[in-house]
Every structure is written in C-alpha cells, then in structure tokens.
C-alpha cells in the first residue's frame, strides 16, 4: 500500500513535468495514451518472458539425467533442494552465471521491450521530430513501466518499496536510452542505437544483481546500499541533465 501511495505521485509528477516540456509543441492526439499502454505491455510481456526464462534455466540446472527423478515427489524435492544449496554457494563461477542470468532475463529483456514498444508508437508520422521528442517518448513509456512495477513490489521490504518509489530508475534508464538513440540518429551510427539498449540494460542488471546478492547473504548489505546510493545519484544527474537540455535546447535537433 505504501509503495502505491508513493509510486503514483512520483510517476504522475514526472509525467506532468514531461508534458510541460512539450506544452508549446504537444505530441499528436492519443500519443500519451499509446506510450502509457506501451509501458504496460512491456511490463506484462517482460514478466512472461522472465518466467519462461526462469523455467528454462531451472530445466538446464536439473539436467536431462535427472528429469526422470522429477516424476517422484520425494526425489524431485531432493533435486530441487540440491539446486537451492548449489545456488547459495558464492563462487566466482556462480556469481558470473548469476550476473549473466540477471542481464538476460531482467536487464536486457525489460530494456529491449521498452525500446521496441516505444519505437512502435514513434513510427507514426509527427510523433517524433527532434532528438528531445524521442527521449521524452522513451521517458513516458518508462514512467508507465515503473509505476506498474512499483505497485507489484509494494508488498516487499519497506526500505526497497520507499527507495523504488522515490528513485524512478526506469525513468533514468529512459533518459540514457533516449540520449544514445538520438545520438545514433544524429551521427548515423547504429552502434549508438545498440548502446541505447545495452547501457541501460547493464546498469539495470548491476542494480538488480546487488539486490539478488543481498537476498542470498547479509554480507552484501554494504554493496547493495552503495548501489542504491549510486542509482539515486544517477537519477538526480539524469533529471538535472534533462532539465538543462530542455532549457538550452541542446536536443532540439531534427532526426526525422
């Protein structure tokens, strides 16, 4: 409940700020609604893909030689307990595999889906003219995504709930995404478009992985706290950057 009460005002505040930046050159009719729906669709599909990925990952860990054992409840419980015990082992290999899984199943999936659904909306003529227009489209989709996800996490740790609500990192990732996307259009270099997805996905993974580590062991509390602080600082920097770009017209460059 607290997460919902905090997340909605923050998300609505960001949306109002974004729309104020477009008040003299508003988006075409229904664009805002489409971008909000894009964020919702990205949340739903990312959740489905994450579940599918987790099931595939579990089947890989079980292995073909132990699949037959899963038919018996007692044997299945033993196999699953063995997997749980193995996952708790903190080795270099397990940490690298855990980071890779988090990158693929969460960071990359979520950022890629937000990118693709936003691009679908942006394809309509007149929606995006300038670099700033593109950035704000990504931001609106991200705010929608964030608000829905925060409501989903509202029953979790009170500290995490408060931090997620007051530090809208999906918005932060969207600013980074929009900046690299526009840079790619301006310079005609597709590598920047790839960076628009990979850079936010990597930062996203680092944040989520730090939380996963804390869930595995309290010894990672300091690391997770530092990551939370860094994410908050990055969010503030991106908000200040966006404010500066808007005031100075830095990104008012036509890309379409």
C-alpha atoms as a PDB file:
ATOM      1  CA  UNK A   1       0.000   0.000   0.000  1.00  0.00           C
ATOM      2  CA  UNK A   2       2.816   2.418   0.916  1.00  0.00           C
ATOM      3  CA  UNK A   3       4.584   1.651  -2.357  1.00  0.00           C
ATOM      4  CA  UNK A   4       1.429   2.500  -4.284  1.00  0.00           C
ATOM      5  CA  UNK A   5       0.901   5.751  -2.366  1.00  0.00           C
ATOM      6  CA  UNK A   6       4.493   6.827  -3.066  1.00  0.00           C
ATOM      7  CA  UNK A   7       4.912   5.498  -6.585  1.00  0.00           C
ATOM      8  CA  UNK A   8       1.812   7.052  -8.151  1.00  0.00           C
ATOM      9  CA  UNK A   9       2.506  10.696  -7.120  1.00  0.00           C
ATOM     10  CA  UNK A  10       6.165  10.420  -8.220  1.00  0.00           C
ATOM     11  CA  UNK A  11       5.202   8.896 -11.573  1.00  0.00           C
ATOM     12  CA  UNK A  12       2.388  11.388 -12.147  1.00  0.00           C
ATOM     13  CA  UNK A  13       4.757  14.223 -11.232  1.00  0.00           C
ATOM     14  CA  UNK A  14       7.268  13.030 -13.821  1.00  0.00           C
ATOM     15  CA  UNK A  15       4.550  12.738 -16.466  1.00  0.00           C
ATOM     16  CA  UNK A  16       3.335  16.279 -15.734  1.00  0.00           C
ATOM     17  CA  UNK A  17       6.912  17.571 -15.997  1.00  0.00           C
ATOM     18  CA  UNK A  18       7.443  15.770 -19.316  1.00  0.00           C
ATOM     19  CA  UNK A  19       4.192  17.125 -20.757  1.00  0.00           C
ATOM     20  CA  UNK A  20       5.079  20.638 -19.608  1.00  0.00           C
ATOM     21  CA  UNK A  21       8.255  20.367 -21.668  1.00  0.00           C
ATOM     22  CA  UNK A  22       6.021  19.655 -24.668  1.00  0.00           C
ATOM     23  CA  UNK A  23       3.339  22.255 -23.917  1.00  0.00           C
ATOM     24  CA  UNK A  24       4.346  24.535 -26.820  1.00  0.00           C
ATOM     25  CA  UNK A  25       4.722  21.623 -29.237  1.00  0.00           C
ATOM     26  CA  UNK A  26       2.482  18.842 -27.909  1.00  0.00           C
ATOM     27  CA  UNK A  27       2.529  15.252 -29.084  1.00  0.00           C
ATOM     28  CA  UNK A  28      -0.188  14.225 -31.582  1.00  0.00           C
ATOM     29  CA  UNK A  29      -3.537  13.130 -30.179  1.00  0.00           C
ATOM     30  CA  UNK A  30      -3.536   9.864 -28.201  1.00  0.00           C
ATOM     31  CA  UNK A  31       0.293   9.612 -28.246  1.00  0.00           C
ATOM     32  CA  UNK A  32       0.474   9.869 -24.452  1.00  0.00           C
ATOM     33  CA  UNK A  33      -2.109   7.093 -24.053  1.00  0.00           C
ATOM     34  CA  UNK A  34      -0.269   4.874 -26.535  1.00  0.00           C
ATOM     35  CA  UNK A  35       3.046   5.356 -24.707  1.00  0.00           C
ATOM     36  CA  UNK A  36       1.418   4.569 -21.358  1.00  0.00           C
ATOM     37  CA  UNK A  37      -0.045   1.406 -22.879  1.00  0.00           C
ATOM     38  CA  UNK A  38       3.389   0.604 -24.305  1.00  0.00           C
ATOM     39  CA  UNK A  39       4.823   0.687 -20.795  1.00  0.00           C
ATOM     40  CA  UNK A  40       2.039  -1.554 -19.503  1.00  0.00           C
ATOM     41  CA  UNK A  41       2.532  -4.020 -22.370  1.00  0.00           C
ATOM     42  CA  UNK A  42       6.285  -4.101 -21.741  1.00  0.00           C
ATOM     43  CA  UNK A  43       5.701  -4.963 -18.055  1.00  0.00           C
ATOM     44  CA  UNK A  44       3.328  -7.805 -18.903  1.00  0.00           C
ATOM     45  CA  UNK A  45       5.460  -9.314 -21.661  1.00  0.00           C
ATOM     46  CA  UNK A  46       8.712  -8.949 -19.697  1.00  0.00           C
ATOM     47  CA  UNK A  47       7.092 -10.783 -16.795  1.00  0.00           C
ATOM     48  CA  UNK A  48       6.022 -13.623 -19.079  1.00  0.00           C
ATOM     49  CA  UNK A  49       9.447 -13.886 -20.731  1.00  0.00           C
ATOM     50  CA  UNK A  50      11.198 -13.784 -17.356  1.00  0.00           C
ATOM     51  CA  UNK A  51       9.059 -16.677 -16.094  1.00  0.00           C
ATOM     52  CA  UNK A  52       9.711 -18.672 -19.266  1.00  0.00           C
ATOM     53  CA  UNK A  53      13.434 -17.949 -18.963  1.00  0.00           C
ATOM     54  CA  UNK A  54      13.456 -18.975 -15.300  1.00  0.00           C
ATOM     55  CA  UNK A  55      11.737 -22.277 -16.151  1.00  0.00           C
ATOM     56  CA  UNK A  56      14.248 -22.980 -18.927  1.00  0.00           C
ATOM     57  CA  UNK A  57      17.100 -22.103 -16.568  1.00  0.00           C
ATOM     58  CA  UNK A  58      15.680 -24.495 -13.948  1.00  0.00           C
ATOM     59  CA  UNK A  59      15.392 -27.309 -16.502  1.00  0.00           C
ATOM     60  CA  UNK A  60      19.017 -26.725 -17.520  1.00  0.00           C
ATOM     61  CA  UNK A  61      20.116 -26.943 -13.894  1.00  0.00           C
ATOM     62  CA  UNK A  62      18.113 -30.158 -13.369  1.00  0.00           C
ATOM     63  CA  UNK A  63      19.713 -31.720 -16.433  1.00  0.00           C
ATOM     64  CA  UNK A  64      18.360 -34.475 -18.694  1.00  0.00           C
ATOM     65  CA  UNK A  65      19.788 -37.223 -16.475  1.00  0.00           C
ATOM     66  CA  UNK A  66      17.673 -36.083 -13.509  1.00  0.00           C
ATOM     67  CA  UNK A  67      14.428 -35.333 -15.311  1.00  0.00           C
ATOM     68  CA  UNK A  68      13.171 -38.871 -14.661  1.00  0.00           C
ATOM     69  CA  UNK A  69      13.604 -38.296 -10.927  1.00  0.00           C
ATOM     70  CA  UNK A  70      11.181 -35.363 -11.082  1.00  0.00           C
ATOM     71  CA  UNK A  71       8.293 -37.801 -11.533  1.00  0.00           C
ATOM     72  CA  UNK A  72       8.640 -38.841  -7.901  1.00  0.00           C
ATOM     73  CA  UNK A  73       7.750 -36.179  -5.310  1.00  0.00           C
ATOM     74  CA  UNK A  74      10.467 -37.162  -2.825  1.00  0.00           C
ATOM     75  CA  UNK A  75      13.185 -37.391  -5.466  1.00  0.00           C
ATOM     76  CA  UNK A  76      12.048 -34.120  -7.028  1.00  0.00           C
ATOM     77  CA  UNK A  77      12.282 -32.400  -3.639  1.00  0.00           C
ATOM     78  CA  UNK A  78      15.838 -33.680  -3.208  1.00  0.00           C
ATOM     79  CA  UNK A  79      16.883 -32.494  -6.677  1.00  0.00           C
ATOM     80  CA  UNK A  80      15.381 -29.046  -6.107  1.00  0.00           C
ATOM     81  CA  UNK A  81      16.992 -28.782  -2.677  1.00  0.00           C
ATOM     82  CA  UNK A  82      20.340 -29.639  -4.224  1.00  0.00           C
ATOM     83  CA  UNK A  83      19.858 -26.855  -6.785  1.00  0.00           C
ATOM     84  CA  UNK A  84      18.975 -24.408  -3.984  1.00  0.00           C
ATOM     85  CA  UNK A  85      22.069 -25.393  -1.999  1.00  0.00           C
ATOM     86  CA  UNK A  86      24.257 -25.015  -5.079  1.00  0.00           C
ATOM     87  CA  UNK A  87      22.805 -21.569  -5.834  1.00  0.00           C
ATOM     88  CA  UNK A  88      23.790 -20.407  -2.354  1.00  0.00           C
ATOM     89  CA  UNK A  89      27.451 -21.226  -2.951  1.00  0.00           C
ATOM     90  CA  UNK A  90      29.291 -17.957  -3.526  1.00  0.00           C
ATOM     91  CA  UNK A  91      31.980 -18.814  -6.045  1.00  0.00           C
ATOM     92  CA  UNK A  92      33.337 -16.727  -8.897  1.00  0.00           C
ATOM     93  CA  UNK A  93      31.611 -19.013 -11.388  1.00  0.00           C
ATOM     94  CA  UNK A  94      28.233 -18.847  -9.614  1.00  0.00           C
ATOM     95  CA  UNK A  95      28.435 -15.054  -9.351  1.00  0.00           C
ATOM     96  CA  UNK A  96      29.277 -14.674 -13.050  1.00  0.00           C
ATOM     97  CA  UNK A  97      26.468 -17.028 -14.051  1.00  0.00           C
ATOM     98  CA  UNK A  98      24.076 -15.198 -11.760  1.00  0.00           C
ATOM     99  CA  UNK A  99      25.029 -11.853 -13.279  1.00  0.00           C
ATOM    100  CA  UNK A 100      24.630 -13.259 -16.805  1.00  0.00           C
ATOM    101  CA  UNK A 101      21.172 -14.664 -15.977  1.00  0.00           C
ATOM    102  CA  UNK A 102      20.093 -11.363 -14.448  1.00  0.00           C
ATOM    103  CA  UNK A 103      21.346  -9.479 -17.515  1.00  0.00           C
ATOM    104  CA  UNK A 104      19.489 -11.699 -19.980  1.00  0.00           C
ATOM    105  CA  UNK A 105      16.273 -12.353 -18.036  1.00  0.00           C
ATOM    106  CA  UNK A 106      15.783  -8.923 -16.478  1.00  0.00           C
ATOM    107  CA  UNK A 107      18.075  -6.135 -17.667  1.00  0.00           C
ATOM    108  CA  UNK A 108      18.113  -6.922 -21.379  1.00  0.00           C
ATOM    109  CA  UNK A 109      14.524  -8.179 -21.606  1.00  0.00           C
ATOM    110  CA  UNK A 110      12.990  -5.154 -19.872  1.00  0.00           C
ATOM    111  CA  UNK A 111      15.072  -2.502 -21.636  1.00  0.00           C
ATOM    112  CA  UNK A 112      14.664  -4.141 -25.043  1.00  0.00           C
ATOM    113  CA  UNK A 113      10.897  -4.389 -24.663  1.00  0.00           C
ATOM    114  CA  UNK A 114      10.572  -0.773 -23.534  1.00  0.00           C
ATOM    115  CA  UNK A 115      12.681   0.242 -26.538  1.00  0.00           C
ATOM    116  CA  UNK A 116      10.688  -1.814 -29.046  1.00  0.00           C
ATOM    117  CA  UNK A 117       7.215  -0.849 -27.789  1.00  0.00           C
ATOM    118  CA  UNK A 118       8.198   2.828 -27.736  1.00  0.00           C
ATOM    119  CA  UNK A 119       9.590   2.589 -31.263  1.00  0.00           C
ATOM    120  CA  UNK A 120       6.245   1.183 -32.433  1.00  0.00           C
ATOM    121  CA  UNK A 121       4.477   4.302 -31.141  1.00  0.00           C
ATOM    122  CA  UNK A 122       7.194   6.567 -32.540  1.00  0.00           C
ATOM    123  CA  UNK A 123       6.755   5.181 -36.050  1.00  0.00           C
ATOM    124  CA  UNK A 124       3.604   7.226 -36.608  1.00  0.00           C
ATOM    125  CA  UNK A 125       4.342  10.380 -38.562  1.00  0.00           C
ATOM    126  CA  UNK A 126       4.510  13.508 -36.447  1.00  0.00           C
ATOM    127  CA  UNK A 127       5.099  11.811 -33.097  1.00  0.00           C
ATOM    128  CA  UNK A 128       8.853  12.372 -33.156  1.00  0.00           C
ATOM    129  CA  UNK A 129      10.576  15.220 -34.929  1.00  0.00           C
ATOM    130  CA  UNK A 130      13.521  16.034 -32.701  1.00  0.00           C
ATOM    131  CA  UNK A 131      16.052  14.241 -30.543  1.00  0.00           C
ATOM    132  CA  UNK A 132      14.220  15.563 -27.454  1.00  0.00           C
ATOM    133  CA  UNK A 133      10.893  14.192 -28.725  1.00  0.00           C
ATOM    134  CA  UNK A 134      12.395  10.693 -28.931  1.00  0.00           C
ATOM    135  CA  UNK A 135      13.911  10.951 -25.468  1.00  0.00           C
ATOM    136  CA  UNK A 136      10.597  12.052 -23.939  1.00  0.00           C
ATOM    137  CA  UNK A 137       8.754   9.181 -25.640  1.00  0.00           C
ATOM    138  CA  UNK A 138      11.121   6.682 -24.050  1.00  0.00           C
ATOM    139  CA  UNK A 139      10.687   8.507 -20.730  1.00  0.00           C
ATOM    140  CA  UNK A 140       6.872   8.293 -20.791  1.00  0.00           C
ATOM    141  CA  UNK A 141       6.951   4.555 -21.532  1.00  0.00           C
ATOM    142  CA  UNK A 142       9.460   4.074 -18.723  1.00  0.00           C
ATOM    143  CA  UNK A 143       7.376   6.027 -16.205  1.00  0.00           C
ATOM    144  CA  UNK A 144       4.362   3.854 -17.039  1.00  0.00           C
ATOM    145  CA  UNK A 145       6.515   0.735 -16.671  1.00  0.00           C
ATOM    146  CA  UNK A 146       7.939   1.981 -13.360  1.00  0.00           C
ATOM    147  CA  UNK A 147       4.581   2.837 -11.830  1.00  0.00           C
ATOM    148  CA  UNK A 148       3.106  -0.588 -12.585  1.00  0.00           C
ATOM    149  CA  UNK A 149       6.232  -2.385 -11.380  1.00  0.00           C
ATOM    150  CA  UNK A 150       6.334  -0.351  -8.154  1.00  0.00           C
ATOM    151  CA  UNK A 151       2.763  -1.374  -7.399  1.00  0.00           C
ATOM    152  CA  UNK A 152       3.796  -5.012  -7.940  1.00  0.00           C
ATOM    153  CA  UNK A 153       6.684  -4.591  -5.460  1.00  0.00           C
ATOM    154  CA  UNK A 154       4.546  -2.731  -2.903  1.00  0.00           C
ATOM    155  CA  UNK A 155       4.378  -5.792  -0.638  1.00  0.00           C
ATOM    156  CA  UNK A 156       8.160  -6.205  -0.397  1.00  0.00           C
ATOM    157  CA  UNK A 157      10.740  -4.785   2.008  1.00  0.00           C
ATOM    158  CA  UNK A 158       9.652  -1.361   3.288  1.00  0.00           C
ATOM    159  CA  UNK A 159      13.112   0.081   2.544  1.00  0.00           C
ATOM    160  CA  UNK A 160      13.061  -1.243  -1.014  1.00  0.00           C
ATOM    161  CA  UNK A 161       9.497  -0.005  -1.536  1.00  0.00           C
ATOM    162  CA  UNK A 162      10.375   3.528  -0.419  1.00  0.00           C
ATOM    163  CA  UNK A 163      13.588   3.622  -2.435  1.00  0.00           C
ATOM    164  CA  UNK A 164      11.967   2.314  -5.621  1.00  0.00           C
ATOM    165  CA  UNK A 165       9.171   4.862  -5.347  1.00  0.00           C
ATOM    166  CA  UNK A 166      11.439   7.836  -4.701  1.00  0.00           C
ATOM    167  CA  UNK A 167      14.164   6.822  -7.140  1.00  0.00           C
ATOM    168  CA  UNK A 168      12.464   6.171 -10.502  1.00  0.00           C
ATOM    169  CA  UNK A 169      15.382   4.392 -12.111  1.00  0.00           C
ATOM    170  CA  UNK A 170      13.370   3.229 -15.140  1.00  0.00           C
ATOM    171  CA  UNK A 171      12.998   6.928 -15.954  1.00  0.00           C
ATOM    172  CA  UNK A 172      16.771   7.250 -15.508  1.00  0.00           C
ATOM    173  CA  UNK A 173      17.379   4.384 -17.933  1.00  0.00           C
ATOM    174  CA  UNK A 174      14.976   6.007 -20.411  1.00  0.00           C
ATOM    175  CA  UNK A 175      16.941   9.273 -20.405  1.00  0.00           C
ATOM    176  CA  UNK A 176      20.116   7.303 -21.168  1.00  0.00           C
ATOM    177  CA  UNK A 177      18.278   5.277 -23.808  1.00  0.00           C
ATOM    178  CA  UNK A 178      16.827   8.361 -25.479  1.00  0.00           C
ATOM    179  CA  UNK A 179      20.159  10.153 -25.456  1.00  0.00           C
ATOM    180  CA  UNK A 180      22.020   7.307 -27.196  1.00  0.00           C
ATOM    181  CA  UNK A 181      19.131   6.690 -29.600  1.00  0.00           C
ATOM    182  CA  UNK A 182      19.127  10.318 -30.715  1.00  0.00           C
ATOM    183  CA  UNK A 183      22.915  10.357 -30.883  1.00  0.00           C
ATOM    184  CA  UNK A 184      22.769   7.408 -33.248  1.00  0.00           C
ATOM    185  CA  UNK A 185      20.273   9.238 -35.469  1.00  0.00           C
ATOM    186  CA  UNK A 186      22.316  12.443 -35.492  1.00  0.00           C
ATOM    187  CA  UNK A 187      25.605  10.726 -36.261  1.00  0.00           C
ATOM    188  CA  UNK A 188      24.141   7.992 -38.454  1.00  0.00           C
ATOM    189  CA  UNK A 189      25.851   5.309 -36.389  1.00  0.00           C
ATOM    190  CA  UNK A 190      23.884   2.181 -35.458  1.00  0.00           C
ATOM    191  CA  UNK A 191      26.304   1.358 -32.642  1.00  0.00           C
ATOM    192  CA  UNK A 192      24.730   4.151 -30.592  1.00  0.00           C
ATOM    193  CA  UNK A 193      21.328   2.545 -31.099  1.00  0.00           C
ATOM    194  CA  UNK A 194      22.716  -0.701 -29.692  1.00  0.00           C
ATOM    195  CA  UNK A 195      24.188   1.293 -26.802  1.00  0.00           C
ATOM    196  CA  UNK A 196      20.718   2.755 -26.188  1.00  0.00           C
ATOM    197  CA  UNK A 197      19.635  -0.734 -25.147  1.00  0.00           C
ATOM    198  CA  UNK A 198      22.820  -2.306 -23.768  1.00  0.00           C
ATOM    199  CA  UNK A 199      23.983   0.550 -21.497  1.00  0.00           C
ATOM    200  CA  UNK A 200      20.670   0.864 -19.582  1.00  0.00           C
ATOM    201  CA  UNK A 201      20.404  -2.946 -19.502  1.00  0.00           C
ATOM    202  CA  UNK A 202      23.875  -3.251 -17.948  1.00  0.00           C
ATOM    203  CA  UNK A 203      23.209  -0.612 -15.271  1.00  0.00           C
ATOM    204  CA  UNK A 204      19.812  -2.191 -14.625  1.00  0.00           C
ATOM    205  CA  UNK A 205      21.499  -5.579 -14.179  1.00  0.00           C
ATOM    206  CA  UNK A 206      24.049  -4.206 -11.719  1.00  0.00           C
ATOM    207  CA  UNK A 207      21.247  -2.787  -9.561  1.00  0.00           C
ATOM    208  CA  UNK A 208      19.064  -5.902  -9.639  1.00  0.00           C
ATOM    209  CA  UNK A 209      22.018  -8.229  -9.126  1.00  0.00           C
ATOM    210  CA  UNK A 210      23.072  -6.329  -5.997  1.00  0.00           C
ATOM    211  CA  UNK A 211      19.583  -6.958  -4.578  1.00  0.00           C
ATOM    212  CA  UNK A 212      19.810 -10.645  -5.525  1.00  0.00           C
ATOM    213  CA  UNK A 213      23.129 -10.891  -3.681  1.00  0.00           C
ATOM    214  CA  UNK A 214      21.596  -9.344  -0.572  1.00  0.00           C
ATOM    215  CA  UNK A 215      18.785 -11.898  -0.729  1.00  0.00           C
ATOM    216  CA  UNK A 216      21.426 -14.643  -0.712  1.00  0.00           C
ATOM    217  CA  UNK A 217      23.594 -13.267   2.086  1.00  0.00           C
ATOM    218  CA  UNK A 218      23.566 -10.317   4.508  1.00  0.00           C
ATOM    219  CA  UNK A 219      27.276  -9.824   3.880  1.00  0.00           C
ATOM    220  CA  UNK A 220      26.308  -7.971   0.684  1.00  0.00           C
ATOM    221  CA  UNK A 221      24.319  -5.322   2.555  1.00  0.00           C
ATOM    222  CA  UNK A 222      27.039  -2.666   2.130  1.00  0.00           C
ATOM    223  CA  UNK A 223      27.362  -3.405  -1.596  1.00  0.00           C
ATOM    224  CA  UNK A 224      23.598  -3.162  -2.084  1.00  0.00           C
ATOM    225  CA  UNK A 225      23.439   0.082  -0.090  1.00  0.00           C
ATOM    226  CA  UNK A 226      26.222   1.606  -2.200  1.00  0.00           C
ATOM    227  CA  UNK A 227      24.400   0.528  -5.376  1.00  0.00           C
ATOM    228  CA  UNK A 228      21.181   2.136  -4.132  1.00  0.00           C
ATOM    229  CA  UNK A 229      23.026   5.373  -3.390  1.00  0.00           C
ATOM    230  CA  UNK A 230      24.716   5.347  -6.808  1.00  0.00           C
ATOM    231  CA  UNK A 231      21.367   4.761  -8.515  1.00  0.00           C
ATOM    232  CA  UNK A 232      19.846   7.674  -6.622  1.00  0.00           C
ATOM    233  CA  UNK A 233      22.777   9.929  -7.625  1.00  0.00           C
ATOM    234  CA  UNK A 234      22.490   8.801 -11.261  1.00  0.00           C
ATOM    235  CA  UNK A 235      18.759   9.561 -11.218  1.00  0.00           C
ATOM    236  CA  UNK A 236      19.381  13.074  -9.898  1.00  0.00           C
ATOM    237  CA  UNK A 237      22.084  13.637 -12.535  1.00  0.00           C
ATOM    238  CA  UNK A 238      19.783  12.496 -15.353  1.00  0.00           C
ATOM    239  CA  UNK A 239      16.951  14.743 -14.132  1.00  0.00           C
ATOM    240  CA  UNK A 240      19.307  17.724 -13.984  1.00  0.00           C
ATOM    241  CA  UNK A 241      20.725  16.861 -17.415  1.00  0.00           C
ATOM    242  CA  UNK A 242      17.247  16.635 -18.949  1.00  0.00           C
ATOM    243  CA  UNK A 243      16.291  19.944 -17.372  1.00  0.00           C
ATOM    244  CA  UNK A 244      19.426  21.562 -18.809  1.00  0.00           C
ATOM    245  CA  UNK A 245      18.923  20.049 -22.275  1.00  0.00           C
ATOM    246  CA  UNK A 246      15.355  21.324 -22.323  1.00  0.00           C
ATOM    247  CA  UNK A 247      16.228  24.843 -21.179  1.00  0.00           C
ATOM    248  CA  UNK A 248      19.152  25.229 -23.575  1.00  0.00           C
ATOM    249  CA  UNK A 249      17.507  23.407 -26.485  1.00  0.00           C
ATOM    250  CA  UNK A 250      20.528  21.108 -26.789  1.00  0.00           C
ATOM    251  CA  UNK A 251      18.488  18.201 -28.151  1.00  0.00           C
ATOM    252  CA  UNK A 252      16.144  20.243 -30.332  1.00  0.00           C
ATOM    253  CA  UNK A 253      17.794  18.693 -33.380  1.00  0.00           C
ATOM    254  CA  UNK A 254      15.595  17.215 -36.084  1.00  0.00           C
ATOM    255  CA  UNK A 255      16.217  13.499 -36.538  1.00  0.00           C
ATOM    256  CA  UNK A 256      13.226  12.680 -38.767  1.00  0.00           C
END
